[in-house]
């Protein structure tokens, strides 16, 4: 009986409305963040069913859309989950070349090419890589997301899917985590193929509209396929709504938008990842969702270049959103690490 009363006391404390003193403390932390991160656009904090902090900087307001960069990947993960719930997405163990026969090498037509053995060996690995390898960043590809040359090759390709599937390998697929933006574009195209439609249109009807979000911009590749790794624009309040979808295990106003099982699966530790340079307290990677501990509490994070973050902390019933302008004041990936430091302060102040 005493234990039950203690647990009830703890739950009531965690669910209590934020005091004026704590709200003011959060505001001071956001000002400190702006002083340390001149490109900061916004910080929003949701706790216990309400926004408890909403601050904008550098001329931004609640109508400003930000390019959320790799947060796009977490949205693609959600769309893969919805397609899976509809029983349209192939099993994650499916080799991706089963889905792209048009990109398979026909050696009978290429008898006179050089380095045939190397090409055949690479082609053999191509046929082993699966959807699971792509969505957990274990492709095995020889790729460096932080290399300007790699990015230029991918971004200038007339067919980014083909160029991705033609990448050489440095590891066996499914054995090693290595961040690879092109992989998420391939997953996006697979989802699009699965639902037999444009990915953004599918997102608008199956995801964004049900959670009350309107997307102003989401770029496409040269063949008109919605970009899967980046280039989605969202307002800060839209990012909160997306985070709340995960906080509430896929449910919005009593309607299950994404199955609880996919939410749990995609935010669980699918890959062991105990260290990442811009993610303090890293403890695993899911399906395009990062995992970390903040003040001892498990969080999962949608993370985008330059400081675009959606941090979901289930046991505290919190969602924290940050955005930054990617301009000459922005220090790139290092802004992410700085913002996680301020997220830790926000969590501590709100407890």
C-alpha atoms as a PDB file:
ATOM      1  CA  UNK A   1       0.000   0.000   0.000  1.00  0.00           C
ATOM      2  CA  UNK A   2       2.800   2.414   0.939  1.00  0.00           C
ATOM      3  CA  UNK A   3       4.605   1.613  -2.324  1.00  0.00           C
ATOM      4  CA  UNK A   4       1.454   2.362  -4.352  1.00  0.00           C
ATOM      5  CA  UNK A   5       0.991   5.679  -2.562  1.00  0.00           C
ATOM      6  CA  UNK A   6       4.622   6.576  -3.243  1.00  0.00           C
ATOM      7  CA  UNK A   7       4.275   5.755  -6.943  1.00  0.00           C
ATOM      8  CA  UNK A   8       1.086   7.825  -7.119  1.00  0.00           C
ATOM      9  CA  UNK A   9       2.954  10.715  -5.461  1.00  0.00           C
ATOM     10  CA  UNK A  10       5.779  10.469  -8.045  1.00  0.00           C
ATOM     11  CA  UNK A  11       3.286  10.351 -10.962  1.00  0.00           C
ATOM     12  CA  UNK A  12       1.453  13.410  -9.629  1.00  0.00           C
ATOM     13  CA  UNK A  13       4.722  15.316  -9.302  1.00  0.00           C
ATOM     14  CA  UNK A  14       5.737  14.469 -12.878  1.00  0.00           C
ATOM     15  CA  UNK A  15       2.307  15.435 -14.203  1.00  0.00           C
ATOM     16  CA  UNK A  16       1.984  18.642 -12.226  1.00  0.00           C
ATOM     17  CA  UNK A  17       1.645  21.891 -14.196  1.00  0.00           C
ATOM     18  CA  UNK A  18       4.837  23.886 -14.527  1.00  0.00           C
ATOM     19  CA  UNK A  19       5.155  26.605 -11.905  1.00  0.00           C
ATOM     20  CA  UNK A  20       5.741  30.223 -12.906  1.00  0.00           C
ATOM     21  CA  UNK A  21       9.236  29.942 -11.499  1.00  0.00           C
ATOM     22  CA  UNK A  22      10.071  26.897 -13.633  1.00  0.00           C
ATOM     23  CA  UNK A  23       8.499  28.488 -16.725  1.00  0.00           C
ATOM     24  CA  UNK A  24      10.692  31.546 -16.202  1.00  0.00           C
ATOM     25  CA  UNK A  25      13.719  29.274 -15.747  1.00  0.00           C
ATOM     26  CA  UNK A  26      12.967  27.641 -19.115  1.00  0.00           C
ATOM     27  CA  UNK A  27      12.777  31.055 -20.738  1.00  0.00           C
ATOM     28  CA  UNK A  28      16.175  31.981 -19.300  1.00  0.00           C
ATOM     29  CA  UNK A  29      17.664  28.740 -20.681  1.00  0.00           C
ATOM     30  CA  UNK A  30      16.365  29.583 -24.162  1.00  0.00           C
ATOM     31  CA  UNK A  31      17.993  33.015 -23.933  1.00  0.00           C
ATOM     32  CA  UNK A  32      21.240  31.344 -22.915  1.00  0.00           C
ATOM     33  CA  UNK A  33      20.894  29.014 -25.895  1.00  0.00           C
ATOM     34  CA  UNK A  34      20.445  31.958 -28.252  1.00  0.00           C
ATOM     35  CA  UNK A  35      23.551  33.636 -26.832  1.00  0.00           C
ATOM     36  CA  UNK A  36      25.545  30.471 -27.571  1.00  0.00           C
ATOM     37  CA  UNK A  37      23.885  29.590 -30.884  1.00  0.00           C
ATOM     38  CA  UNK A  38      23.415  32.750 -32.986  1.00  0.00           C
ATOM     39  CA  UNK A  39      21.584  30.856 -35.754  1.00  0.00           C
ATOM     40  CA  UNK A  40      18.843  29.667 -33.385  1.00  0.00           C
ATOM     41  CA  UNK A  41      15.329  29.906 -34.801  1.00  0.00           C
ATOM     42  CA  UNK A  42      13.099  28.430 -32.103  1.00  0.00           C
ATOM     43  CA  UNK A  43      12.794  26.319 -28.979  1.00  0.00           C
ATOM     44  CA  UNK A  44       9.446  24.790 -28.076  1.00  0.00           C
ATOM     45  CA  UNK A  45       8.737  22.581 -25.060  1.00  0.00           C
ATOM     46  CA  UNK A  46       5.638  20.439 -24.562  1.00  0.00           C
ATOM     47  CA  UNK A  47       5.000  18.859 -21.175  1.00  0.00           C
ATOM     48  CA  UNK A  48       1.907  17.309 -19.636  1.00  0.00           C
ATOM     49  CA  UNK A  49      -0.481  18.149 -22.477  1.00  0.00           C
ATOM     50  CA  UNK A  50       0.516  21.750 -23.077  1.00  0.00           C
ATOM     51  CA  UNK A  51       3.180  24.016 -24.500  1.00  0.00           C
ATOM     52  CA  UNK A  52       5.161  25.300 -21.533  1.00  0.00           C
ATOM     53  CA  UNK A  53       7.769  27.219 -23.521  1.00  0.00           C
ATOM     54  CA  UNK A  54       7.632  28.735 -27.005  1.00  0.00           C
ATOM     55  CA  UNK A  55      10.438  31.077 -27.966  1.00  0.00           C
ATOM     56  CA  UNK A  56      11.452  32.343 -31.420  1.00  0.00           C
ATOM     57  CA  UNK A  57      14.629  34.124 -32.475  1.00  0.00           C
ATOM     58  CA  UNK A  58      16.186  35.927 -35.429  1.00  0.00           C
ATOM     59  CA  UNK A  59      12.843  37.148 -36.760  1.00  0.00           C
ATOM     60  CA  UNK A  60      11.208  33.703 -36.745  1.00  0.00           C
ATOM     61  CA  UNK A  61       7.644  33.218 -35.520  1.00  0.00           C
ATOM     62  CA  UNK A  62       5.004  30.503 -35.365  1.00  0.00           C
ATOM     63  CA  UNK A  63       4.477  30.773 -39.142  1.00  0.00           C
ATOM     64  CA  UNK A  64       8.135  30.298 -40.104  1.00  0.00           C
ATOM     65  CA  UNK A  65       8.991  27.088 -41.960  1.00  0.00           C
ATOM     66  CA  UNK A  66      12.437  25.591 -41.511  1.00  0.00           C
ATOM     67  CA  UNK A  67      14.237  23.097 -43.707  1.00  0.00           C
ATOM     68  CA  UNK A  68      14.465  20.308 -41.166  1.00  0.00           C
ATOM     69  CA  UNK A  69      17.195  18.425 -43.033  1.00  0.00           C
ATOM     70  CA  UNK A  70      17.526  14.832 -41.751  1.00  0.00           C
ATOM     71  CA  UNK A  71      14.416  15.056 -39.587  1.00  0.00           C
ATOM     72  CA  UNK A  72      12.983  14.121 -42.992  1.00  0.00           C
ATOM     73  CA  UNK A  73      14.356  10.612 -42.429  1.00  0.00           C
ATOM     74  CA  UNK A  74      12.254  10.137 -39.291  1.00  0.00           C
ATOM     75  CA  UNK A  75       9.179  11.237 -41.256  1.00  0.00           C
ATOM     76  CA  UNK A  76      10.043   8.641 -43.917  1.00  0.00           C
ATOM     77  CA  UNK A  77      10.312   6.062 -41.118  1.00  0.00           C
ATOM     78  CA  UNK A  78       6.783   6.992 -40.045  1.00  0.00           C
ATOM     79  CA  UNK A  79       5.513   6.637 -43.618  1.00  0.00           C
ATOM     80  CA  UNK A  80       7.191   3.244 -43.895  1.00  0.00           C
ATOM     81  CA  UNK A  81       5.345   2.283 -40.726  1.00  0.00           C
ATOM     82  CA  UNK A  82       1.997   3.380 -42.109  1.00  0.00           C
ATOM     83  CA  UNK A  83       2.638   1.480 -45.348  1.00  0.00           C
ATOM     84  CA  UNK A  84       3.585  -1.530 -43.237  1.00  0.00           C
ATOM     85  CA  UNK A  85       0.347  -1.197 -41.230  1.00  0.00           C
ATOM     86  CA  UNK A  86      -1.548  -1.188 -44.529  1.00  0.00           C
ATOM     87  CA  UNK A  87       0.331  -4.417 -45.384  1.00  0.00           C
ATOM     88  CA  UNK A  88       1.822  -2.738 -48.458  1.00  0.00           C
ATOM     89  CA  UNK A  89       5.474  -2.474 -47.415  1.00  0.00           C
ATOM     90  CA  UNK A  90       7.582  -5.546 -48.251  1.00  0.00           C
ATOM     91  CA  UNK A  91       9.069  -7.453 -45.331  1.00  0.00           C
ATOM     92  CA  UNK A  92      12.174  -5.650 -44.055  1.00  0.00           C
ATOM     93  CA  UNK A  93      14.249  -8.751 -44.822  1.00  0.00           C
ATOM     94  CA  UNK A  94      13.459  -8.363 -48.529  1.00  0.00           C
ATOM     95  CA  UNK A  95      16.539  -7.785 -50.724  1.00  0.00           C
ATOM     96  CA  UNK A  96      16.105  -4.356 -52.264  1.00  0.00           C
ATOM     97  CA  UNK A  97      17.079  -5.541 -55.755  1.00  0.00           C
ATOM     98  CA  UNK A  98      13.888  -7.610 -55.732  1.00  0.00           C
ATOM     99  CA  UNK A  99      12.148  -4.222 -55.799  1.00  0.00           C
ATOM    100  CA  UNK A 100      14.441  -2.575 -58.385  1.00  0.00           C
ATOM    101  CA  UNK A 101      14.962  -5.168 -61.128  1.00  0.00           C
ATOM    102  CA  UNK A 102      15.473  -2.318 -63.587  1.00  0.00           C
ATOM    103  CA  UNK A 103      18.809  -1.509 -61.910  1.00  0.00           C
ATOM    104  CA  UNK A 104      20.212  -5.040 -61.938  1.00  0.00           C
ATOM    105  CA  UNK A 105      23.385  -5.587 -63.971  1.00  0.00           C
ATOM    106  CA  UNK A 106      22.966  -7.766 -67.043  1.00  0.00           C
ATOM    107  CA  UNK A 107      26.425  -9.273 -67.535  1.00  0.00           C
ATOM    108  CA  UNK A 108      25.391 -10.951 -70.779  1.00  0.00           C
ATOM    109  CA  UNK A 109      25.335  -7.476 -72.343  1.00  0.00           C
ATOM    110  CA  UNK A 110      28.587  -6.326 -70.748  1.00  0.00           C
ATOM    111  CA  UNK A 111      31.179  -8.866 -71.810  1.00  0.00           C
ATOM    112  CA  UNK A 112      33.863  -6.325 -72.671  1.00  0.00           C
ATOM    113  CA  UNK A 113      33.877  -4.198 -69.543  1.00  0.00           C
ATOM    114  CA  UNK A 114      37.017  -4.028 -67.390  1.00  0.00           C
ATOM    115  CA  UNK A 115      37.377  -5.210 -63.787  1.00  0.00           C
ATOM    116  CA  UNK A 116      34.633  -7.804 -64.370  1.00  0.00           C
ATOM    117  CA  UNK A 117      35.464  -9.811 -61.233  1.00  0.00           C
ATOM    118  CA  UNK A 118      35.270  -6.752 -58.995  1.00  0.00           C
ATOM    119  CA  UNK A 119      32.006  -5.699 -60.593  1.00  0.00           C
ATOM    120  CA  UNK A 120      30.573  -9.182 -60.152  1.00  0.00           C
ATOM    121  CA  UNK A 121      31.644  -9.243 -56.489  1.00  0.00           C
ATOM    122  CA  UNK A 122      30.029  -5.854 -55.891  1.00  0.00           C
ATOM    123  CA  UNK A 123      26.922  -7.000 -57.732  1.00  0.00           C
ATOM    124  CA  UNK A 124      26.721 -10.038 -55.437  1.00  0.00           C
ATOM    125  CA  UNK A 125      26.667  -7.778 -52.353  1.00  0.00           C
ATOM    126  CA  UNK A 126      24.067  -5.553 -54.000  1.00  0.00           C
ATOM    127  CA  UNK A 127      21.751  -8.527 -54.135  1.00  0.00           C
ATOM    128  CA  UNK A 128      22.171  -9.210 -50.406  1.00  0.00           C
ATOM    129  CA  UNK A 129      21.360  -5.746 -49.025  1.00  0.00           C
ATOM    130  CA  UNK A 130      17.849  -5.558 -47.520  1.00  0.00           C
ATOM    131  CA  UNK A 131      15.291  -2.937 -46.497  1.00  0.00           C
ATOM    132  CA  UNK A 132      16.358  -3.545 -42.899  1.00  0.00           C
ATOM    133  CA  UNK A 133      19.975  -2.728 -43.770  1.00  0.00           C
ATOM    134  CA  UNK A 134      18.871   0.556 -45.343  1.00  0.00           C
ATOM    135  CA  UNK A 135      16.515   1.697 -42.576  1.00  0.00           C
ATOM    136  CA  UNK A 136      19.034   0.945 -39.809  1.00  0.00           C
ATOM    137  CA  UNK A 137      21.993   2.561 -41.618  1.00  0.00           C
ATOM    138  CA  UNK A 138      23.878  -0.726 -41.995  1.00  0.00           C
ATOM    139  CA  UNK A 139      24.258  -0.643 -45.762  1.00  0.00           C
ATOM    140  CA  UNK A 140      27.934  -1.568 -45.974  1.00  0.00           C
ATOM    141  CA  UNK A 141      28.383   1.125 -48.633  1.00  0.00           C
ATOM    142  CA  UNK A 142      31.670   2.970 -49.058  1.00  0.00           C
ATOM    143  CA  UNK A 143      30.187   6.354 -48.258  1.00  0.00           C
ATOM    144  CA  UNK A 144      30.914   9.436 -46.157  1.00  0.00           C
ATOM    145  CA  UNK A 145      27.933  11.681 -45.503  1.00  0.00           C
ATOM    146  CA  UNK A 146      30.223  14.490 -44.335  1.00  0.00           C
ATOM    147  CA  UNK A 147      32.312  14.485 -47.497  1.00  0.00           C
ATOM    148  CA  UNK A 148      31.510  17.369 -49.847  1.00  0.00           C
ATOM    149  CA  UNK A 149      32.491  15.121 -52.760  1.00  0.00           C
ATOM    150  CA  UNK A 150      30.040  12.364 -51.739  1.00  0.00           C
ATOM    151  CA  UNK A 151      27.220  14.847 -51.318  1.00  0.00           C
ATOM    152  CA  UNK A 152      27.995  16.499 -54.646  1.00  0.00           C
ATOM    153  CA  UNK A 153      27.944  13.157 -56.469  1.00  0.00           C
ATOM    154  CA  UNK A 154      24.579  12.208 -54.948  1.00  0.00           C
ATOM    155  CA  UNK A 155      22.977  15.631 -55.348  1.00  0.00           C
ATOM    156  CA  UNK A 156      24.090  16.029 -58.970  1.00  0.00           C
ATOM    157  CA  UNK A 157      22.959  12.557 -60.047  1.00  0.00           C
ATOM    158  CA  UNK A 158      20.244  12.383 -62.684  1.00  0.00           C
ATOM    159  CA  UNK A 159      18.994   9.229 -60.912  1.00  0.00           C
ATOM    160  CA  UNK A 160      19.965   9.223 -57.188  1.00  0.00           C
ATOM    161  CA  UNK A 161      18.487   5.753 -56.623  1.00  0.00           C
ATOM    162  CA  UNK A 162      20.621   4.197 -59.348  1.00  0.00           C
ATOM    163  CA  UNK A 163      23.732   6.027 -58.135  1.00  0.00           C
ATOM    164  CA  UNK A 164      23.052   4.772 -54.586  1.00  0.00           C
ATOM    165  CA  UNK A 165      22.553   1.171 -55.641  1.00  0.00           C
ATOM    166  CA  UNK A 166      25.761   1.388 -57.680  1.00  0.00           C
ATOM    167  CA  UNK A 167      27.875   2.433 -54.671  1.00  0.00           C
ATOM    168  CA  UNK A 168      30.821   0.146 -53.868  1.00  0.00           C
ATOM    169  CA  UNK A 169      30.942  -1.711 -50.547  1.00  0.00           C
ATOM    170  CA  UNK A 170      33.421  -1.524 -47.693  1.00  0.00           C
ATOM    171  CA  UNK A 171      31.542  -3.848 -45.297  1.00  0.00           C
ATOM    172  CA  UNK A 172      29.091  -6.709 -45.598  1.00  0.00           C
ATOM    173  CA  UNK A 173      25.510  -5.338 -45.483  1.00  0.00           C
ATOM    174  CA  UNK A 174      23.849  -5.537 -42.095  1.00  0.00           C
ATOM    175  CA  UNK A 175      27.037  -5.657 -40.021  1.00  0.00           C
ATOM    176  CA  UNK A 176      28.095  -2.076 -39.264  1.00  0.00           C
ATOM    177  CA  UNK A 177      26.369   1.264 -38.613  1.00  0.00           C
ATOM    178  CA  UNK A 178      27.417   4.023 -40.980  1.00  0.00           C
ATOM    179  CA  UNK A 179      25.279   7.070 -41.618  1.00  0.00           C
ATOM    180  CA  UNK A 180      24.164   7.186 -45.253  1.00  0.00           C
ATOM    181  CA  UNK A 181      21.627   9.731 -46.492  1.00  0.00           C
ATOM    182  CA  UNK A 182      21.220   8.108 -49.940  1.00  0.00           C
ATOM    183  CA  UNK A 183      19.922   4.941 -48.233  1.00  0.00           C
ATOM    184  CA  UNK A 184      16.953   6.863 -46.837  1.00  0.00           C
ATOM    185  CA  UNK A 185      16.088   8.157 -50.303  1.00  0.00           C
ATOM    186  CA  UNK A 186      15.949   4.572 -51.558  1.00  0.00           C
ATOM    187  CA  UNK A 187      13.641   3.651 -48.656  1.00  0.00           C
ATOM    188  CA  UNK A 188      11.414   6.628 -49.530  1.00  0.00           C
ATOM    189  CA  UNK A 189      11.158   5.437 -53.136  1.00  0.00           C
ATOM    190  CA  UNK A 190      10.370   1.908 -51.920  1.00  0.00           C
ATOM    191  CA  UNK A 191       7.534   3.296 -49.770  1.00  0.00           C
ATOM    192  CA  UNK A 192       6.306   5.270 -52.782  1.00  0.00           C
ATOM    193  CA  UNK A 193       6.399   2.111 -54.930  1.00  0.00           C
ATOM    194  CA  UNK A 194       4.565   0.194 -52.195  1.00  0.00           C
ATOM    195  CA  UNK A 195       1.668   2.646 -52.002  1.00  0.00           C
ATOM    196  CA  UNK A 196       1.716   3.153 -55.775  1.00  0.00           C
ATOM    197  CA  UNK A 197       1.764   6.919 -55.517  1.00  0.00           C
ATOM    198  CA  UNK A 198       3.743  10.083 -54.858  1.00  0.00           C
ATOM    199  CA  UNK A 199       5.321  10.027 -51.404  1.00  0.00           C
ATOM    200  CA  UNK A 200       4.390  13.598 -50.467  1.00  0.00           C
ATOM    201  CA  UNK A 201       0.772  13.007 -51.487  1.00  0.00           C
ATOM    202  CA  UNK A 202       0.734   9.817 -49.410  1.00  0.00           C
ATOM    203  CA  UNK A 203       2.273  11.736 -46.497  1.00  0.00           C
ATOM    204  CA  UNK A 204      -0.317  14.504 -46.762  1.00  0.00           C
ATOM    205  CA  UNK A 205      -3.271  12.104 -46.651  1.00  0.00           C
ATOM    206  CA  UNK A 206      -2.000   9.364 -44.323  1.00  0.00           C
ATOM    207  CA  UNK A 207       0.179  11.324 -41.895  1.00  0.00           C
ATOM    208  CA  UNK A 208       0.150  15.094 -42.021  1.00  0.00           C
ATOM    209  CA  UNK A 209      -3.563  15.793 -42.369  1.00  0.00           C
ATOM    210  CA  UNK A 210      -4.545  13.405 -39.529  1.00  0.00           C
ATOM    211  CA  UNK A 211      -2.136  15.128 -37.117  1.00  0.00           C
ATOM    212  CA  UNK A 212      -3.095  18.645 -38.216  1.00  0.00           C
ATOM    213  CA  UNK A 213       0.013  19.533 -40.210  1.00  0.00           C
ATOM    214  CA  UNK A 214       0.264  21.343 -43.557  1.00  0.00           C
ATOM    215  CA  UNK A 215       3.572  21.024 -45.379  1.00  0.00           C
ATOM    216  CA  UNK A 216       4.607  23.934 -47.577  1.00  0.00           C
ATOM    217  CA  UNK A 217       7.641  22.394 -49.258  1.00  0.00           C
ATOM    218  CA  UNK A 218       9.262  19.004 -49.822  1.00  0.00           C
ATOM    219  CA  UNK A 219      11.663  18.765 -52.759  1.00  0.00           C
ATOM    220  CA  UNK A 220      11.894  15.985 -55.336  1.00  0.00           C
ATOM    221  CA  UNK A 221      14.797  14.345 -57.158  1.00  0.00           C
ATOM    222  CA  UNK A 222      15.348  14.841 -60.929  1.00  0.00           C
ATOM    223  CA  UNK A 223      12.898  12.016 -61.683  1.00  0.00           C
ATOM    224  CA  UNK A 224      10.149  13.605 -59.590  1.00  0.00           C
ATOM    225  CA  UNK A 225      10.480  11.273 -56.592  1.00  0.00           C
ATOM    226  CA  UNK A 226      10.095  12.940 -53.179  1.00  0.00           C
ATOM    227  CA  UNK A 227      13.466  13.223 -51.421  1.00  0.00           C
ATOM    228  CA  UNK A 228      13.750  10.761 -48.572  1.00  0.00           C
ATOM    229  CA  UNK A 229      16.814  11.977 -46.705  1.00  0.00           C
ATOM    230  CA  UNK A 230      16.307  15.736 -46.503  1.00  0.00           C
ATOM    231  CA  UNK A 231      14.587  18.807 -47.989  1.00  0.00           C
ATOM    232  CA  UNK A 232      11.308  18.692 -46.028  1.00  0.00           C
ATOM    233  CA  UNK A 233      10.192  22.025 -44.554  1.00  0.00           C
ATOM    234  CA  UNK A 234       8.151  22.244 -41.348  1.00  0.00           C
ATOM    235  CA  UNK A 235       7.010  24.845 -38.851  1.00  0.00           C
ATOM    236  CA  UNK A 236       8.181  24.369 -35.273  1.00  0.00           C
ATOM    237  CA  UNK A 237       4.605  23.700 -34.159  1.00  0.00           C
ATOM    238  CA  UNK A 238       4.319  21.015 -36.861  1.00  0.00           C
ATOM    239  CA  UNK A 239       7.447  19.371 -35.475  1.00  0.00           C
ATOM    240  CA  UNK A 240       5.821  19.323 -32.030  1.00  0.00           C
ATOM    241  CA  UNK A 241       2.759  17.607 -33.509  1.00  0.00           C
ATOM    242  CA  UNK A 242       4.929  14.987 -35.168  1.00  0.00           C
ATOM    243  CA  UNK A 243       6.764  14.419 -31.897  1.00  0.00           C
ATOM    244  CA  UNK A 244       3.457  14.077 -30.050  1.00  0.00           C
ATOM    245  CA  UNK A 245       2.422  11.347 -32.467  1.00  0.00           C
ATOM    246  CA  UNK A 246       5.379   9.322 -31.194  1.00  0.00           C
ATOM    247  CA  UNK A 247       4.900  10.387 -27.563  1.00  0.00           C
ATOM    248  CA  UNK A 248       1.333   9.050 -27.761  1.00  0.00           C
ATOM    249  CA  UNK A 249       2.445   5.808 -29.449  1.00  0.00           C
ATOM    250  CA  UNK A 250       0.902   6.630 -32.828  1.00  0.00           C
ATOM    251  CA  UNK A 251      -2.470   7.782 -31.514  1.00  0.00           C
ATOM    252  CA  UNK A 252      -4.078  11.180 -32.170  1.00  0.00           C
ATOM    253  CA  UNK A 253      -7.464  12.041 -30.674  1.00  0.00           C
ATOM    254  CA  UNK A 254      -8.338   8.385 -30.299  1.00  0.00           C
ATOM    255  CA  UNK A 255      -7.319   7.446 -33.846  1.00  0.00           C
ATOM    256  CA  UNK A 256      -4.338   5.160 -34.427  1.00  0.00           C
ATOM    257  CA  UNK A 257      -2.311   6.834 -37.209  1.00  0.00           C
ATOM    258  CA  UNK A 258       0.673   4.490 -36.876  1.00  0.00           C
ATOM    259  CA  UNK A 259       0.524   1.186 -35.047  1.00  0.00           C
ATOM    260  CA  UNK A 260       1.931   1.126 -31.535  1.00  0.00           C
ATOM    261  CA  UNK A 261       4.072  -1.850 -32.538  1.00  0.00           C
ATOM    262  CA  UNK A 262       5.812   0.137 -35.317  1.00  0.00           C
ATOM    263  CA  UNK A 263       6.370   3.124 -33.014  1.00  0.00           C
ATOM    264  CA  UNK A 264       8.003   0.871 -30.441  1.00  0.00           C
ATOM    265  CA  UNK A 265       9.997  -1.076 -33.019  1.00  0.00           C
ATOM    266  CA  UNK A 266      11.279   1.987 -34.854  1.00  0.00           C
ATOM    267  CA  UNK A 267      12.443   3.751 -31.674  1.00  0.00           C
ATOM    268  CA  UNK A 268      13.981   0.649 -30.078  1.00  0.00           C
ATOM    269  CA  UNK A 269      17.675  -0.177 -30.228  1.00  0.00           C
ATOM    270  CA  UNK A 270      17.929  -1.863 -33.618  1.00  0.00           C
ATOM    271  CA  UNK A 271      21.647  -1.061 -33.787  1.00  0.00           C
ATOM    272  CA  UNK A 272      24.089  -0.816 -30.891  1.00  0.00           C
ATOM    273  CA  UNK A 273      25.412   2.740 -30.887  1.00  0.00           C
ATOM    274  CA  UNK A 274      27.031   3.815 -27.624  1.00  0.00           C
ATOM    275  CA  UNK A 275      28.958   6.755 -28.994  1.00  0.00           C
ATOM    276  CA  UNK A 276      28.251   9.455 -31.572  1.00  0.00           C
ATOM    277  CA  UNK A 277      30.149  12.709 -31.794  1.00  0.00           C
ATOM    278  CA  UNK A 278      27.143  15.061 -31.672  1.00  0.00           C
ATOM    279  CA  UNK A 279      24.827  12.892 -29.538  1.00  0.00           C
ATOM    280  CA  UNK A 280      25.742  12.881 -25.828  1.00  0.00           C
ATOM    281  CA  UNK A 281      24.504   9.787 -23.993  1.00  0.00           C
ATOM    282  CA  UNK A 282      23.888   7.840 -27.213  1.00  0.00           C
ATOM    283  CA  UNK A 283      22.387   4.400 -26.609  1.00  0.00           C
ATOM    284  CA  UNK A 284      21.296   2.928 -29.899  1.00  0.00           C
ATOM    285  CA  UNK A 285      19.686   3.659 -33.249  1.00  0.00           C
ATOM    286  CA  UNK A 286      16.270   2.571 -34.504  1.00  0.00           C
ATOM    287  CA  UNK A 287      14.608   3.121 -37.867  1.00  0.00           C
ATOM    288  CA  UNK A 288      15.927   6.633 -38.609  1.00  0.00           C
ATOM    289  CA  UNK A 289      15.488   7.555 -34.924  1.00  0.00           C
ATOM    290  CA  UNK A 290      18.445   8.253 -32.642  1.00  0.00           C
ATOM    291  CA  UNK A 291      18.374   7.223 -28.976  1.00  0.00           C
ATOM    292  CA  UNK A 292      20.025   8.937 -26.005  1.00  0.00           C
ATOM    293  CA  UNK A 293      19.692   9.412 -22.260  1.00  0.00           C
ATOM    294  CA  UNK A 294      18.994  12.866 -20.837  1.00  0.00           C
ATOM    295  CA  UNK A 295      19.179  13.267 -17.067  1.00  0.00           C
ATOM    296  CA  UNK A 296      18.721   9.512 -16.787  1.00  0.00           C
ATOM    297  CA  UNK A 297      15.569   9.478 -18.946  1.00  0.00           C
ATOM    298  CA  UNK A 298      15.315   7.620 -22.243  1.00  0.00           C
ATOM    299  CA  UNK A 299      14.717   9.865 -25.231  1.00  0.00           C
ATOM    300  CA  UNK A 300      14.460   9.264 -28.944  1.00  0.00           C
ATOM    301  CA  UNK A 301      15.420  11.980 -31.369  1.00  0.00           C
ATOM    302  CA  UNK A 302      14.739  13.047 -34.944  1.00  0.00           C
ATOM    303  CA  UNK A 303      17.869  14.981 -35.829  1.00  0.00           C
ATOM    304  CA  UNK A 304      18.688  17.315 -38.709  1.00  0.00           C
ATOM    305  CA  UNK A 305      21.854  19.118 -39.790  1.00  0.00           C
ATOM    306  CA  UNK A 306      22.498  22.474 -38.182  1.00  0.00           C
ATOM    307  CA  UNK A 307      20.277  21.997 -35.132  1.00  0.00           C
ATOM    308  CA  UNK A 308      16.853  20.759 -36.257  1.00  0.00           C
ATOM    309  CA  UNK A 309      15.713  18.443 -33.439  1.00  0.00           C
ATOM    310  CA  UNK A 310      12.589  16.688 -32.186  1.00  0.00           C
ATOM    311  CA  UNK A 311      13.357  15.100 -28.821  1.00  0.00           C
ATOM    312  CA  UNK A 312      10.654  12.802 -27.377  1.00  0.00           C
ATOM    313  CA  UNK A 313      10.956  11.791 -23.710  1.00  0.00           C
ATOM    314  CA  UNK A 314       8.089   9.379 -22.982  1.00  0.00           C
ATOM    315  CA  UNK A 315       8.319   8.931 -19.216  1.00  0.00           C
ATOM    316  CA  UNK A 316       8.362  12.703 -18.683  1.00  0.00           C
ATOM    317  CA  UNK A 317       5.590  13.255 -21.250  1.00  0.00           C
ATOM    318  CA  UNK A 318       7.814  15.773 -22.981  1.00  0.00           C
ATOM    319  CA  UNK A 319       8.574  16.821 -26.532  1.00  0.00           C
ATOM    320  CA  UNK A 320      11.295  19.397 -27.148  1.00  0.00           C
ATOM    321  CA  UNK A 321      11.782  21.003 -30.564  1.00  0.00           C
ATOM    322  CA  UNK A 322      14.672  23.160 -31.716  1.00  0.00           C
ATOM    323  CA  UNK A 323      15.284  24.762 -35.091  1.00  0.00           C
ATOM    324  CA  UNK A 324      18.144  26.788 -36.524  1.00  0.00           C
ATOM    325  CA  UNK A 325      18.661  28.812 -39.650  1.00  0.00           C
ATOM    326  CA  UNK A 326      21.331  27.198 -41.807  1.00  0.00           C
ATOM    327  CA  UNK A 327      23.236  30.377 -42.570  1.00  0.00           C
ATOM    328  CA  UNK A 328      26.744  31.744 -42.166  1.00  0.00           C
ATOM    329  CA  UNK A 329      26.277  31.870 -38.369  1.00  0.00           C
ATOM    330  CA  UNK A 330      25.466  28.172 -38.211  1.00  0.00           C
ATOM    331  CA  UNK A 331      28.354  25.870 -37.249  1.00  0.00           C
ATOM    332  CA  UNK A 332      26.807  22.803 -38.853  1.00  0.00           C
ATOM    333  CA  UNK A 333      26.646  19.482 -37.066  1.00  0.00           C
ATOM    334  CA  UNK A 334      28.257  20.871 -33.918  1.00  0.00           C
ATOM    335  CA  UNK A 335      25.083  22.912 -33.258  1.00  0.00           C
ATOM    336  CA  UNK A 336      23.330  19.611 -32.593  1.00  0.00           C
ATOM    337  CA  UNK A 337      25.661  18.773 -29.707  1.00  0.00           C
ATOM    338  CA  UNK A 338      25.305  22.263 -28.242  1.00  0.00           C
ATOM    339  CA  UNK A 339      21.523  22.032 -28.387  1.00  0.00           C
ATOM    340  CA  UNK A 340      21.499  18.666 -26.643  1.00  0.00           C
ATOM    341  CA  UNK A 341      23.326  20.365 -23.781  1.00  0.00           C
ATOM    342  CA  UNK A 342      20.523  22.910 -23.548  1.00  0.00           C
ATOM    343  CA  UNK A 343      17.909  20.163 -23.863  1.00  0.00           C
ATOM    344  CA  UNK A 344      19.493  18.536 -20.803  1.00  0.00           C
ATOM    345  CA  UNK A 345      19.135  21.838 -18.940  1.00  0.00           C
ATOM    346  CA  UNK A 346      15.495  22.170 -20.045  1.00  0.00           C
ATOM    347  CA  UNK A 347      14.697  18.646 -18.858  1.00  0.00           C
ATOM    348  CA  UNK A 348      16.368  19.253 -15.498  1.00  0.00           C
ATOM    349  CA  UNK A 349      14.538  22.554 -15.030  1.00  0.00           C
ATOM    350  CA  UNK A 350      11.139  21.089 -15.845  1.00  0.00           C
ATOM    351  CA  UNK A 351      11.348  18.131 -13.441  1.00  0.00           C
END
